[in-house]
C-alpha atoms as a PDB file:
ATOM      1  CA  MET A   1       2.690  30.887 -54.523  1.00  0.00           C
ATOM      2  CA  MET A   2       2.122  27.927 -52.291  1.00  0.00           C
ATOM      3  CA  LEU A   3       5.137  26.325 -52.716  1.00  0.00           C
ATOM      4  CA  ALA A   4       7.371  29.715 -51.681  1.00  0.00           C
ATOM      5  CA  SER A   5       5.101  30.061 -48.724  1.00  0.00           C
ATOM      6  CA  ILE A   6       6.123  26.703 -47.788  1.00  0.00           C
ATOM      7  CA  LEU A   7       9.646  26.636 -48.209  1.00  0.00           C
ATOM      8  CA  THR A   8       9.567  30.817 -46.238  1.00  0.00           C
ATOM      9  CA  VAL A   9       8.219  28.761 -44.057  1.00  0.00           C
ATOM     10  CA  PHE A  10      10.735  26.249 -43.821  1.00  0.00           C
ATOM     11  CA  ILE A  11      13.705  28.519 -43.548  1.00  0.00           C
ATOM     12  CA  LEU A  12      12.349  30.841 -40.996  1.00  0.00           C
ATOM     13  CA  ILE A  13      12.030  27.363 -38.802  1.00  0.00           C
ATOM     14  CA  ALA A  14      15.840  26.927 -39.586  1.00  0.00           C
ATOM     15  CA  LEU A  15      17.522  30.209 -38.863  1.00  0.00           C
ATOM     16  CA  THR A  16      15.143  29.619 -35.698  1.00  0.00           C
ATOM     17  CA  LEU A  17      16.840  26.442 -34.671  1.00  0.00           C
ATOM     18  CA  SER A  18      20.419  27.831 -35.857  1.00  0.00           C
ATOM     19  CA  VAL A  19      19.467  30.383 -33.517  1.00  0.00           C
ATOM     20  CA  ILE A  20      19.584  28.505 -29.811  1.00  0.00           C
ATOM     21  CA  ALA A  21      22.065  26.526 -31.034  1.00  0.00           C
ATOM     22  CA  VAL A  22      23.913  23.992 -28.673  1.00  0.00           C
ATOM     23  CA  GLU A  23      26.735  25.575 -26.682  1.00  0.00           C
ATOM     24  CA  ILE A  24      29.442  23.489 -25.175  1.00  0.00           C
ATOM     25  CA  ARG A  25      31.724  25.288 -22.520  1.00  0.00           C
ATOM     26  CA  TYR A  26      34.645  24.010 -20.021  1.00  0.00           C
ATOM     27  CA  SER A  27      36.686  25.589 -17.664  1.00  0.00           C
ATOM     28  CA  ASP A  28      39.637  23.643 -15.676  1.00  0.00           C
ATOM     29  CA  ARG A  29      38.570  25.351 -12.589  1.00  0.00           C
ATOM     30  CA  PHE A  30      36.192  23.544 -10.184  1.00  0.00           C
ATOM     31  CA  SER A  31      32.501  25.951 -10.776  1.00  0.00           C
ATOM     32  CA  THR A  32      29.341  25.485  -9.710  1.00  0.00           C
ATOM     33  CA  TYR A  33      26.160  27.281 -11.272  1.00  0.00           C
ATOM     34  CA  ASN A  34      26.674  30.390  -8.870  1.00  0.00           C
ATOM     35  CA  ARG A  35      30.195  30.770  -9.637  1.00  0.00           C
ATOM     36  CA  TRP A  36      30.644  30.000 -13.110  1.00  0.00           C
ATOM     37  CA  ASN A  37      32.370  32.327 -14.675  1.00  0.00           C
ATOM     38  CA  GLU A  38      31.903  32.729 -18.665  1.00  0.00           C
ATOM     39  CA  THR A  39      35.439  34.464 -18.954  1.00  0.00           C
ATOM     40  CA  GLU A  40      37.500  31.806 -17.551  1.00  0.00           C
ATOM     41  CA  SER A  41      36.048  29.231 -19.915  1.00  0.00           C
ATOM     42  CA  VAL A  42      35.941  28.619 -23.386  1.00  0.00           C
ATOM     43  CA  ILE A  43      33.882  27.219 -26.339  1.00  0.00           C
ATOM     44  CA  HIS A  44      34.274  23.646 -27.600  1.00  0.00           C
ATOM     45  CA  ASN A  45      34.273  22.785 -30.956  1.00  0.00           C
ATOM     46  CA  GLY A  46      35.859  19.788 -31.454  1.00  0.00           C
ATOM     47  CA  PRO A  47      34.321  16.444 -30.452  1.00  0.00           C
ATOM     48  CA  PHE A  48      33.497  15.454 -26.950  1.00  0.00           C
ATOM     49  CA  SER A  49      36.123  13.079 -26.141  1.00  0.00           C
ATOM     50  CA  GLU A  50      38.415  16.187 -25.770  1.00  0.00           C
ATOM     51  CA  LEU A  51      37.171  17.096 -22.865  1.00  0.00           C
ATOM     52  CA  ALA A  52      37.936  13.826 -20.869  1.00  0.00           C
ATOM     53  CA  ASN A  53      40.419  15.719 -18.650  1.00  0.00           C
ATOM     54  CA  LYS A  54      37.704  19.145 -18.182  1.00  0.00           C
ATOM     55  CA  THR A  55      36.936  19.565 -14.600  1.00  0.00           C
ATOM     56  CA  THR A  56      33.950  22.041 -15.409  1.00  0.00           C
ATOM     57  CA  ILE A  57      32.099  21.056 -18.784  1.00  0.00           C
ATOM     58  CA  ARG A  58      28.831  23.471 -19.436  1.00  0.00           C
ATOM     59  CA  ILE A  59      26.192  22.650 -22.269  1.00  0.00           C
ATOM     60  CA  ASP A  60      23.288  25.229 -22.686  1.00  0.00           C
ATOM     61  CA  ASN A  61      20.378  24.381 -25.007  1.00  0.00           C
ATOM     62  CA  GLY A  62      21.710  20.841 -26.275  1.00  0.00           C
ATOM     63  CA  SER A  63      21.665  17.414 -25.662  1.00  0.00           C
ATOM     64  CA  LEU A  64      24.009  14.563 -25.327  1.00  0.00           C
ATOM     65  CA  SER A  65      23.114  11.479 -26.607  1.00  0.00           C
ATOM     66  CA  ASP A  66      23.333   8.179 -25.140  1.00  0.00           C
ATOM     67  CA  ALA A  67      26.750   7.652 -26.699  1.00  0.00           C
ATOM     68  CA  ASN A  68      28.103  11.148 -25.165  1.00  0.00           C
ATOM     69  CA  PHE A  69      27.095   9.924 -21.801  1.00  0.00           C
ATOM     70  CA  GLY A  70      28.841   6.802 -22.206  1.00  0.00           C
ATOM     71  CA  LEU A  71      32.738   8.451 -22.779  1.00  0.00           C
ATOM     72  CA  LEU A  72      31.227  10.875 -20.014  1.00  0.00           C
ATOM     73  CA  GLN A  73      31.261   8.007 -17.883  1.00  0.00           C
ATOM     74  CA  ASN A  74      35.284   7.807 -18.284  1.00  0.00           C
ATOM     75  CA  PHE A  75      35.691  11.709 -17.960  1.00  0.00           C
ATOM     76  CA  ARG A  76      37.243  13.434 -14.887  1.00  0.00           C
ATOM     77  CA  THR A  77      34.735  15.630 -14.993  1.00  0.00           C
ATOM     78  CA  LYS A  78      34.458  17.210 -11.416  1.00  0.00           C
ATOM     79  CA  SER A  79      31.071  19.475 -12.083  1.00  0.00           C
ATOM     80  CA  LEU A  80      28.951  19.379 -15.244  1.00  0.00           C
ATOM     81  CA  ILE A  81      26.327  22.105 -15.245  1.00  0.00           C
ATOM     82  CA  ILE A  82      23.363  21.673 -18.169  1.00  0.00           C
ATOM     83  CA  PHE A  83      21.184  24.549 -18.498  1.00  0.00           C
ATOM     84  CA  GLY A  84      17.903  24.549 -20.972  1.00  0.00           C
ATOM     85  CA  GLY A  85      17.816  22.107 -23.705  1.00  0.00           C
ATOM     86  CA  ARG A  86      16.488  18.465 -23.168  1.00  0.00           C
ATOM     87  CA  MET A  87      18.020  16.329 -21.557  1.00  0.00           C
ATOM     88  CA  ARG A  88      15.202  12.946 -20.520  1.00  0.00           C
ATOM     89  CA  GLU A  89      17.614  11.062 -19.124  1.00  0.00           C
ATOM     90  CA  ILE A  90      20.978  11.712 -17.356  1.00  0.00           C
ATOM     91  CA  THR A  91      23.210   8.690 -16.368  1.00  0.00           C
ATOM     92  CA  LEU A  92      25.609   9.875 -13.289  1.00  0.00           C
ATOM     93  CA  ALA A  93      29.375   9.508 -14.060  1.00  0.00           C
ATOM     94  CA  PRO A  94      31.367   8.565 -11.173  1.00  0.00           C
ATOM     95  CA  SER A  95      33.955  11.100 -11.104  1.00  0.00           C
ATOM     96  CA  VAL A  96      31.293  14.446 -10.844  1.00  0.00           C
ATOM     97  CA  LYS A  97      30.942  15.658  -7.510  1.00  0.00           C
ATOM     98  CA  TYR A  98      28.026  18.965  -8.713  1.00  0.00           C
ATOM     99  CA  LEU A  99      25.359  17.949 -10.925  1.00  0.00           C
ATOM    100  CA  HIS A 100      23.293  20.956 -11.836  1.00  0.00           C
ATOM    101  CA  ALA A 101      20.399  20.421 -14.495  1.00  0.00           C
ATOM    102  CA  ILE A 102      18.001  23.776 -14.688  1.00  0.00           C
ATOM    103  CA  HIS A 103      15.405  23.811 -17.264  1.00  0.00           C
ATOM    104  CA  SER A 104      16.925  20.507 -18.708  1.00  0.00           C
ATOM    105  CA  ALA A 105      13.032  18.670 -19.850  1.00  0.00           C
ATOM    106  CA  THR A 106      14.988  16.100 -17.543  1.00  0.00           C
ATOM    107  CA  VAL A 107      12.772  12.868 -17.118  1.00  0.00           C
ATOM    108  CA  ASP A 108      15.506  10.610 -15.151  1.00  0.00           C
ATOM    109  CA  LEU A 109      18.496  10.254 -12.926  1.00  0.00           C
ATOM    110  CA  LEU A 110      20.355   7.245 -13.679  1.00  0.00           C
ATOM    111  CA  ILE A 111      22.248   5.610 -10.855  1.00  0.00           C
ATOM    112  CA  GLN A 112      23.761   2.015 -11.652  1.00  0.00           C
ATOM    113  CA  PRO A 113      22.629  -0.252  -8.169  1.00  0.00           C
ATOM    114  CA  ARG A 114      25.554  -1.537  -7.890  1.00  0.00           C
ATOM    115  CA  ALA A 115      29.832  -1.918  -8.559  1.00  0.00           C
ATOM    116  CA  ILE A 116      30.402   2.152  -9.330  1.00  0.00           C
ATOM    117  CA  SER A 117      31.326   4.445  -6.909  1.00  0.00           C
ATOM    118  CA  TYR A 118      29.985   7.360  -6.452  1.00  0.00           C
ATOM    119  CA  GLN A 119      31.460  10.630  -5.593  1.00  0.00           C
ATOM    120  CA  ILE A 120      29.184  13.219  -6.262  1.00  0.00           C
ATOM    121  CA  GLU A 121      27.891  15.464  -2.963  1.00  0.00           C
ATOM    122  CA  GLU A 122      25.577  18.147  -4.481  1.00  0.00           C
ATOM    123  CA  LEU A 123      22.663  17.018  -6.304  1.00  0.00           C
ATOM    124  CA  ARG A 124      20.334  19.828  -7.904  1.00  0.00           C
ATOM    125  CA  ILE A 125      17.441  19.354 -10.784  1.00  0.00           C
ATOM    126  CA  TYR A 126      14.934  22.078 -10.794  1.00  0.00           C
ATOM    127  CA  ASN A 127      12.980  23.430 -13.029  1.00  0.00           C
ATOM    128  CA  SER A 128      12.520  19.898 -15.115  1.00  0.00           C
ATOM    129  CA  MET A 129       9.917  16.787 -15.515  1.00  0.00           C
ATOM    130  CA  LEU A 130      11.244  14.688 -12.724  1.00  0.00           C
ATOM    131  CA  THR A 131       7.705  13.029 -11.274  1.00  0.00           C
ATOM    132  CA  MET A 132       9.883  10.661  -8.496  1.00  0.00           C
ATOM    133  CA  LEU A 133      12.855  10.618  -6.119  1.00  0.00           C
ATOM    134  CA  PRO A 134      15.810   8.997  -8.656  1.00  0.00           C
ATOM    135  CA  LYS A 135      16.331   4.986  -8.091  1.00  0.00           C
ATOM    136  CA  ASN A 136      19.185   4.488  -6.227  1.00  0.00           C
ATOM    137  CA  LEU A 137      19.535   7.536  -4.956  1.00  0.00           C
ATOM    138  CA  HIS A 138      20.849   5.425  -1.630  1.00  0.00           C
ATOM    139  CA  ARG A 139      24.077   4.964  -3.403  1.00  0.00           C
ATOM    140  CA  LEU A 140      24.879   8.147  -2.829  1.00  0.00           C
ATOM    141  CA  LEU A 141      27.014   7.915   0.051  1.00  0.00           C
ATOM    142  CA  SER A 142      28.866  11.164  -0.312  1.00  0.00           C
ATOM    143  CA  LEU A 143      26.075  13.767  -1.383  1.00  0.00           C
ATOM    144  CA  LYS A 144      25.863  16.875   0.921  1.00  0.00           C
ATOM    145  CA  VAL A 145      22.985  18.880  -1.107  1.00  0.00           C
ATOM    146  CA  LEU A 146      19.758  17.177  -2.582  1.00  0.00           C
ATOM    147  CA  ASN A 147      17.490  20.070  -4.521  1.00  0.00           C
ATOM    148  CA  LEU A 148      15.067  18.848  -7.042  1.00  0.00           C
ATOM    149  CA  SER A 149      12.509  21.691  -6.515  1.00  0.00           C
ATOM    150  CA  PHE A 150      10.095  22.700  -9.409  1.00  0.00           C
ATOM    151  CA  ASN A 151       9.907  19.271 -10.755  1.00  0.00           C
ATOM    152  CA  SER A 152       6.374  16.812 -10.943  1.00  0.00           C
ATOM    153  CA  ILE A 153       7.252  14.945  -7.825  1.00  0.00           C
ATOM    154  CA  GLU A 154       3.804  13.840  -6.427  1.00  0.00           C
ATOM    155  CA  SER A 155       4.428  11.237  -4.123  1.00  0.00           C
ATOM    156  CA  ILE A 156       7.945  10.044  -2.205  1.00  0.00           C
ATOM    157  CA  ASP A 157       9.054   7.589   0.432  1.00  0.00           C
ATOM    158  CA  MET A 158      11.894   8.835   3.030  1.00  0.00           C
ATOM    159  CA  THR A 159      13.246   5.392   3.617  1.00  0.00           C
ATOM    160  CA  GLN A 160      14.567   6.446  -0.409  1.00  0.00           C
ATOM    161  CA  LEU A 161      16.993   8.596   1.644  1.00  0.00           C
ATOM    162  CA  GLU A 162      18.291   5.557   3.876  1.00  0.00           C
ATOM    163  CA  SER A 163      22.472   5.867   3.755  1.00  0.00           C
ATOM    164  CA  LEU A 164      22.909   9.497   2.914  1.00  0.00           C
ATOM    165  CA  GLU A 165      24.686   9.982   6.469  1.00  0.00           C
ATOM    166  CA  HIS A 166      26.439  13.131   5.163  1.00  0.00           C
ATOM    167  CA  LEU A 167      22.681  14.739   3.872  1.00  0.00           C
ATOM    168  CA  ARG A 168      23.045  18.342   4.708  1.00  0.00           C
ATOM    169  CA  GLU A 169      19.937  19.985   2.713  1.00  0.00           C
ATOM    170  CA  LEU A 170      16.767  18.400   1.137  1.00  0.00           C
ATOM    171  CA  SER A 171      14.832  20.514  -0.887  1.00  0.00           C
ATOM    172  CA  LEU A 172      11.997  19.730  -2.398  1.00  0.00           C
ATOM    173  CA  PHE A 173       9.806  22.894  -2.870  1.00  0.00           C
ATOM    174  CA  GLY A 174       7.136  23.691  -5.558  1.00  0.00           C
ATOM    175  CA  ASN A 175       6.401  19.788  -6.695  1.00  0.00           C
ATOM    176  CA  GLY A 176       3.094  19.544  -5.594  1.00  0.00           C
ATOM    177  CA  LEU A 177       3.829  16.548  -3.128  1.00  0.00           C
ATOM    178  CA  LYS A 178       0.542  15.131  -1.696  1.00  0.00           C
ATOM    179  CA  THR A 179       2.403  12.338   0.125  1.00  0.00           C
ATOM    180  CA  ILE A 180       4.716  11.732   1.893  1.00  0.00           C
ATOM    181  CA  GLN A 181       5.466   7.829   3.420  1.00  0.00           C
ATOM    182  CA  THR A 182       7.671   6.700   6.095  1.00  0.00           C
ATOM    183  CA  THR A 183       7.537   3.064   6.166  1.00  0.00           C
ATOM    184  CA  SER A 184      10.327   2.477   9.135  1.00  0.00           C
ATOM    185  CA  VAL A 185      12.624   4.836  10.935  1.00  0.00           C
ATOM    186  CA  ILE A 186      14.933   6.472   8.523  1.00  0.00           C
ATOM    187  CA  SER A 187      18.097   8.040  10.091  1.00  0.00           C
ATOM    188  CA  LEU A 188      19.608  11.436   8.554  1.00  0.00           C
ATOM    189  CA  PRO A 189      22.257  12.147  11.623  1.00  0.00           C
ATOM    190  CA  VAL A 190      23.504  15.533   9.884  1.00  0.00           C
ATOM    191  CA  LEU A 191      20.408  16.605   7.779  1.00  0.00           C
ATOM    192  CA  ARG A 192      19.776  20.814   8.931  1.00  0.00           C
ATOM    193  CA  LEU A 193      17.479  22.228   6.370  1.00  0.00           C
ATOM    194  CA  VAL A 194      14.046  20.077   4.867  1.00  0.00           C
ATOM    195  CA  ASP A 195      12.214  22.648   2.814  1.00  0.00           C
ATOM    196  CA  LEU A 196       9.012  21.222   1.425  1.00  0.00           C
ATOM    197  CA  HIS A 197       6.686  24.777   1.404  1.00  0.00           C
ATOM    198  CA  TYR A 198       4.798  25.250  -2.082  1.00  0.00           C
ATOM    199  CA  ASN A 199       3.539  21.600  -2.085  1.00  0.00           C
ATOM    200  CA  LYS A 200      -0.363  20.107  -1.835  1.00  0.00           C
ATOM    201  CA  LEU A 201       0.983  18.026   1.470  1.00  0.00           C
ATOM    202  CA  ALA A 202      -2.127  17.541   3.376  1.00  0.00           C
ATOM    203  CA  GLN A 203      -0.705  15.232   6.103  1.00  0.00           C
ATOM    204  CA  LEU A 204       2.505  14.662   7.987  1.00  0.00           C
ATOM    205  CA  ASP A 205       3.947  12.371  10.298  1.00  0.00           C
ATOM    206  CA  VAL A 206       7.216  13.279  11.167  1.00  0.00           C
ATOM    207  CA  TYR A 207       7.551  10.015  14.415  1.00  0.00           C
ATOM    208  CA  LEU A 208      10.159   8.022  12.549  1.00  0.00           C
ATOM    209  CA  TRP A 209      12.301  10.579  11.117  1.00  0.00           C
ATOM    210  CA  TYR A 210      15.163  10.442  13.188  1.00  0.00           C
ATOM    211  CA  ILE A 211      16.802  13.739  12.230  1.00  0.00           C
ATOM    212  CA  PRO A 212      18.813  15.050  15.856  1.00  0.00           C
ATOM    213  CA  ALA A 213      20.931  18.183  13.383  1.00  0.00           C
ATOM    214  CA  LEU A 214      17.417  19.168  11.843  1.00  0.00           C
ATOM    215  CA  GLU A 215      17.425  23.316  12.592  1.00  0.00           C
ATOM    216  CA  THR A 216      15.323  24.147   9.635  1.00  0.00           C
ATOM    217  CA  LEU A 217      11.615  22.873   8.715  1.00  0.00           C
ATOM    218  CA  ASP A 218       9.520  24.432   5.821  1.00  0.00           C
ATOM    219  CA  LEU A 219       6.433  23.537   4.994  1.00  0.00           C
ATOM    220  CA  VAL A 220       4.797  27.102   4.092  1.00  0.00           C
ATOM    221  CA  GLU A 221       2.144  28.348   1.727  1.00  0.00           C
ATOM    222  CA  LYS A 222       0.059  26.006  -0.969  1.00  0.00           C
ATOM    223  CA  ASN A 223      -0.085  22.709   1.800  1.00  0.00           C
ATOM    224  CA  LYS A 224      -2.945  22.243   2.980  1.00  0.00           C
ATOM    225  CA  LEU A 225      -1.839  21.239   6.377  1.00  0.00           C
ATOM    226  CA  VAL A 226      -4.196  21.174   9.814  1.00  0.00           C
ATOM    227  CA  TYR A 227      -1.586  19.626  12.442  1.00  0.00           C
ATOM    228  CA  VAL A 228       1.988  17.755  11.624  1.00  0.00           C
ATOM    229  CA  LYS A 229       2.194  14.393  13.493  1.00  0.00           C
ATOM    230  CA  ASN A 230       4.475  13.479  16.924  1.00  0.00           C
ATOM    231  CA  LEU A 231       6.243  17.391  15.993  1.00  0.00           C
ATOM    232  CA  ASP A 232       6.892  18.486  19.421  1.00  0.00           C
ATOM    233  CA  SER A 233      10.553  17.135  21.276  1.00  0.00           C
ATOM    234  CA  GLN A 234      11.101  15.181  17.506  1.00  0.00           C
ATOM    235  CA  PHE A 235      13.714  17.558  16.590  1.00  0.00           C
ATOM    236  CA  PRO A 236      15.679  18.838  19.575  1.00  0.00           C
ATOM    237  CA  LYS A 237      17.765  21.636  17.192  1.00  0.00           C
ATOM    238  CA  LEU A 238      15.057  23.175  15.460  1.00  0.00           C
ATOM    239  CA  ARG A 239      15.473  26.905  15.438  1.00  0.00           C
ATOM    240  CA  SER A 240      13.171  27.659  12.365  1.00  0.00           C
ATOM    241  CA  PHE A 241       9.666  26.650  11.920  1.00  0.00           C
ATOM    242  CA  GLU A 242       7.577  27.500   8.423  1.00  0.00           C
ATOM    243  CA  ILE A 243       4.148  26.886   8.562  1.00  0.00           C
ATOM    244  CA  SER A 244       1.904  29.673   8.106  1.00  0.00           C
ATOM    245  CA  LYS A 245      -0.707  29.508   4.960  1.00  0.00           C
ATOM    246  CA  ASN A 246      -2.095  26.293   6.119  1.00  0.00           C
ATOM    247  CA  PRO A 247      -5.238  25.947   7.204  1.00  0.00           C
ATOM    248  CA  LEU A 248      -4.479  24.178  10.991  1.00  0.00           C
ATOM    249  CA  ASP A 249      -6.310  23.133  13.729  1.00  0.00           C
ATOM    250  CA  CYS A 250      -6.632  26.164  16.147  1.00  0.00           C
ATOM    251  CA  ILE A 251      -5.879  23.895  19.418  1.00  0.00           C
ATOM    252  CA  TRP A 252      -3.068  22.366  17.843  1.00  0.00           C
ATOM    253  CA  LYS A 253      -1.619  25.337  16.659  1.00  0.00           C
ATOM    254  CA  ASP A 254      -1.854  26.718  19.643  1.00  0.00           C
ATOM    255  CA  THR A 255       0.067  24.115  21.588  1.00  0.00           C
ATOM    256  CA  MET A 256       2.777  24.150  18.803  1.00  0.00           C
ATOM    257  CA  LEU A 257       3.335  27.709  19.498  1.00  0.00           C
ATOM    258  CA  GLN A 258       3.640  27.376  23.535  1.00  0.00           C
ATOM    259  CA  ASN A 259       6.050  24.693  22.682  1.00  0.00           C
ATOM    260  CA  MET A 260       8.252  26.526  19.906  1.00  0.00           C
ATOM    261  CA  ARG A 261       8.146  28.964  22.110  1.00  0.00           C
ATOM    262  CA  LEU A 262       9.433  27.297  25.219  1.00  0.00           C
ATOM    263  CA  ALA A 263      11.783  25.900  22.941  1.00  0.00           C
ATOM    264  CA  ASN A 264      13.621  29.227  21.477  1.00  0.00           C
ATOM    265  CA  VAL A 265      12.264  28.415  17.889  1.00  0.00           C
ATOM    266  CA  ILE A 266      11.209  30.830  15.063  1.00  0.00           C
ATOM    267  CA  ILE A 267       8.157  30.543  13.825  1.00  0.00           C
ATOM    268  CA  GLY A 268       8.564  32.445  10.115  1.00  0.00           C
ATOM    269  CA  ASP A 269       5.031  34.768   9.742  1.00  0.00           C
ATOM    270  CA  LEU A 270       4.069  34.400  12.917  1.00  0.00           C
ATOM    271  CA  ASP A 271       1.129  36.882  12.111  1.00  0.00           C
ATOM    272  CA  GLU A 272       0.086  34.976   9.273  1.00  0.00           C
ATOM    273  CA  VAL A 273       0.088  31.281  11.052  1.00  0.00           C
ATOM    274  CA  SER A 274      -3.754  31.129  10.980  1.00  0.00           C
ATOM    275  CA  CYS A 275      -6.311  28.562  11.942  1.00  0.00           C
ATOM    276  CA  ASP A 276      -9.817  27.025  11.486  1.00  0.00           C
ATOM    277  CA  THR A 277     -11.568  29.038  13.901  1.00  0.00           C
ATOM    278  CA  LYS A 278     -14.597  25.801  14.489  1.00  0.00           C
ATOM    279  CA  SER A 279     -12.005  24.002  15.968  1.00  0.00           C
ATOM    280  CA  LYS A 280     -11.705  26.033  18.823  1.00  0.00           C
ATOM    281  CA  SER A 281     -15.045  24.263  20.006  1.00  0.00           C
ATOM    282  CA  ARG A 282     -14.494  20.279  18.832  1.00  0.00           C
ATOM    283  CA  ILE A 283     -11.077  19.355  17.921  1.00  0.00           C
ATOM    284  CA  SER A 284     -10.993  16.506  15.759  1.00  0.00           C
ATOM    285  CA  GLU A 285     -10.216  13.153  16.894  1.00  0.00           C
ATOM    286  CA  THR A 286      -6.777  13.071  15.065  1.00  0.00           C
ATOM    287  CA  THR A 287      -5.352  16.313  16.462  1.00  0.00           C
ATOM    288  CA  CYS A 288      -6.549  14.696  20.377  1.00  0.00           C
ATOM    289  CA  SER A 289      -4.738  11.608  19.473  1.00  0.00           C
ATOM    290  CA  ALA A 290      -1.450  12.815  18.383  1.00  0.00           C
ATOM    291  CA  LEU A 291      -1.475  15.332  21.404  1.00  0.00           C
ATOM    292  CA  SER A 292      -2.394  12.547  23.554  1.00  0.00           C
ATOM    293  CA  ARG A 293       0.573  10.492  21.951  1.00  0.00           C
ATOM    294  CA  SER A 294       2.739  13.407  22.662  1.00  0.00           C
ATOM    295  CA  VAL A 295       1.589  14.213  26.276  1.00  0.00           C
ATOM    296  CA  ASN A 296       2.345  10.707  26.711  1.00  0.00           C
ATOM    297  CA  ARG A 297       5.815  10.493  25.447  1.00  0.00           C
ATOM    298  CA  GLN A 298       6.636  13.633  27.789  1.00  0.00           C
ATOM    299  CA  LEU A 299       5.061  11.247  30.688  1.00  0.00           C
ATOM    300  CA  GLU A 300       7.268   8.107  29.740  1.00  0.00           C
ATOM    301  CA  ILE A 301      10.696  10.437  29.634  1.00  0.00           C
ATOM    302  CA  PHE A 302       9.685  12.114  33.216  1.00  0.00           C
ATOM    303  CA  GLN A 303       8.981   9.134  34.359  1.00  0.00           C
ATOM    304  CA  ASN A 304      12.325   7.482  33.162  1.00  0.00           C
ATOM    305  CA  ALA A 305      14.363  10.561  34.456  1.00  0.00           C
ATOM    306  CA  LYS A 306      12.430   9.903  38.029  1.00  0.00           C
ATOM    307  CA  ASN A 307      13.256   5.834  37.829  1.00  0.00           C
ATOM    308  CA  ASN A 308      16.617   6.945  36.773  1.00  0.00           C
ATOM    309  CA  PHE A 309      16.864   9.721  39.844  1.00  0.00           C
ATOM    310  CA  GLU A 310      15.846   7.176  42.497  1.00  0.00           C
ATOM    311  CA  ALA A 311      18.206   4.829  41.111  1.00  0.00           C
ATOM    312  CA  GLN A 312      20.996   6.949  41.668  1.00  0.00           C
ATOM    313  CA  LEU A 313      19.473   7.933  44.772  1.00  0.00           C
ATOM    314  CA  LYS A 314      19.151   4.606  46.090  1.00  0.00           C
ATOM    315  CA  GLU A 315      22.783   3.929  45.166  1.00  0.00           C
ATOM    316  CA  GLN A 316      24.431   7.058  47.082  1.00  0.00           C
ATOM    317  CA  ASN A 317      22.385   6.037  49.848  1.00  0.00           C
ATOM    318  CA  GLU A 318      24.068   2.816  49.829  1.00  0.00           C
ATOM    319  CA  ILE A 319      27.449   4.190  49.477  1.00  0.00           C
ATOM    320  CA  ILE A 320      27.025   6.692  52.536  1.00  0.00           C
ATOM    321  CA  ALA A 321      25.703   4.060  54.682  1.00  0.00           C
ATOM    322  CA  ASN A 322      28.655   1.692  53.552  1.00  0.00           C
ATOM    323  CA  GLN A 323      30.989   4.989  54.126  1.00  0.00           C
ATOM    324  CA  THR A 324      29.602   5.260  57.488  1.00  0.00           C
ATOM    325  CA  LYS A 325      30.177   2.371  58.842  1.00  0.00           C
ATOM    326  CA  VAL A 326      33.803   2.094  57.622  1.00  0.00           C
ATOM    327  CA  LEU A 327      34.008   5.189  59.587  1.00  0.00           C
ATOM    328  CA  GLN A 328      32.242   3.876  62.688  1.00  0.00           C
ATOM    329  CA  ALA A 329      34.941   0.812  62.417  1.00  0.00           C
ATOM    330  CA  ILE A 330      37.652   2.871  62.120  1.00  0.00           C
ATOM    331  CA  GLU A 331      36.722   5.369  65.355  1.00  0.00           C
ATOM    332  CA  LYS A 332      36.101   2.024  67.174  1.00  0.00           C
ATOM    333  CA  ARG A 333      39.724   1.306  66.720  1.00  0.00           C
ATOM    334  CA  ILE A 334      41.077   4.604  67.238  1.00  0.00           C
ATOM    335  CA  ASP A 335      38.811   4.321  70.771  1.00  0.00           C
ATOM    336  CA  TYR A 336      40.276   1.174  71.396  1.00  0.00           C
ATOM    337  CA  HIS A 337      43.863   2.267  71.021  1.00  0.00           C
ATOM    338  CA  GLN A 338      43.424   5.669  72.788  1.00  0.00           C
ATOM    339  CA  ILE A 339      41.996   3.444  75.647  1.00  0.00           C
ATOM    340  CA  LYS A 340      44.708   0.692  75.518  1.00  0.00           C
ATOM    341  CA  SER A 341      47.436   3.654  75.231  1.00  0.00           C
ATOM    342  CA  PHE A 342      46.075   5.033  78.552  1.00  0.00           C
ATOM    343  CA  LYS A 343      46.095   2.141  80.496  1.00  0.00           C
END
């Protein structure tokens, strides 16, 4: 009886595993995860190597061996979609422009440090097991969208994004992020969206962020921010700022709201932007320091503008003085000729 029970259990497990079978589909059309249309795709039953010329490959509930990922390096695939399964390491193929992996248990994305020229424009790996930004991320020079949300990334250095001059969207929400370091000035000239909501940030300093096109900054919920250092005037095109459900310093909050109002920035869930009432009577030294730097920067900008105006005014006065001298000389000559002709 015991042996029969064990055999029964093994049979049930085998049947269960057979239901969750690996399914590989392909399409000759370029498809993203959101535009995937199974009616235009075909189930693949042959060797993986036969997919070399297919534009879109989707793998459900499975994994690729290292050998198959090696083959993928020479494929012409433009879009790779991975749903479910266990893809612990994904080796990025040079031809892929769109990579979407969800619930794939991915621990690492392998990017070669040199030689290979990557074409990827959209990289989305979420609901997986990443614990850090992939190494050599700066090699993805064509990247426009980076979404690594709902992983387990607790710390990042923004300078890892250096060279990503085409990056437009950065989404790292739901990671439990605790620290964001910026060890040197980071320039992301066309980045429009930074989404960091649903993390565990207690501090954030954006002083070294040169992101002139930033329109949306989301820091809402689960974060524990008292203030954001050097936020004032840092992002001239900012139009939407989300910071509700953070324990903000009251003085910083009031100043921030006033500045955002003057800059026509929309504050999301304004009714839920609250603060610690204790801070009304005693603002922290760090907040004072941040506000002082902001005021000093504004004074410096004003002083520079004043100096430029005075220099231009002086130049204009010199031009007017010179023109006056010329006119006076012309008038003297005219008077001389008139007197001479009269005689």
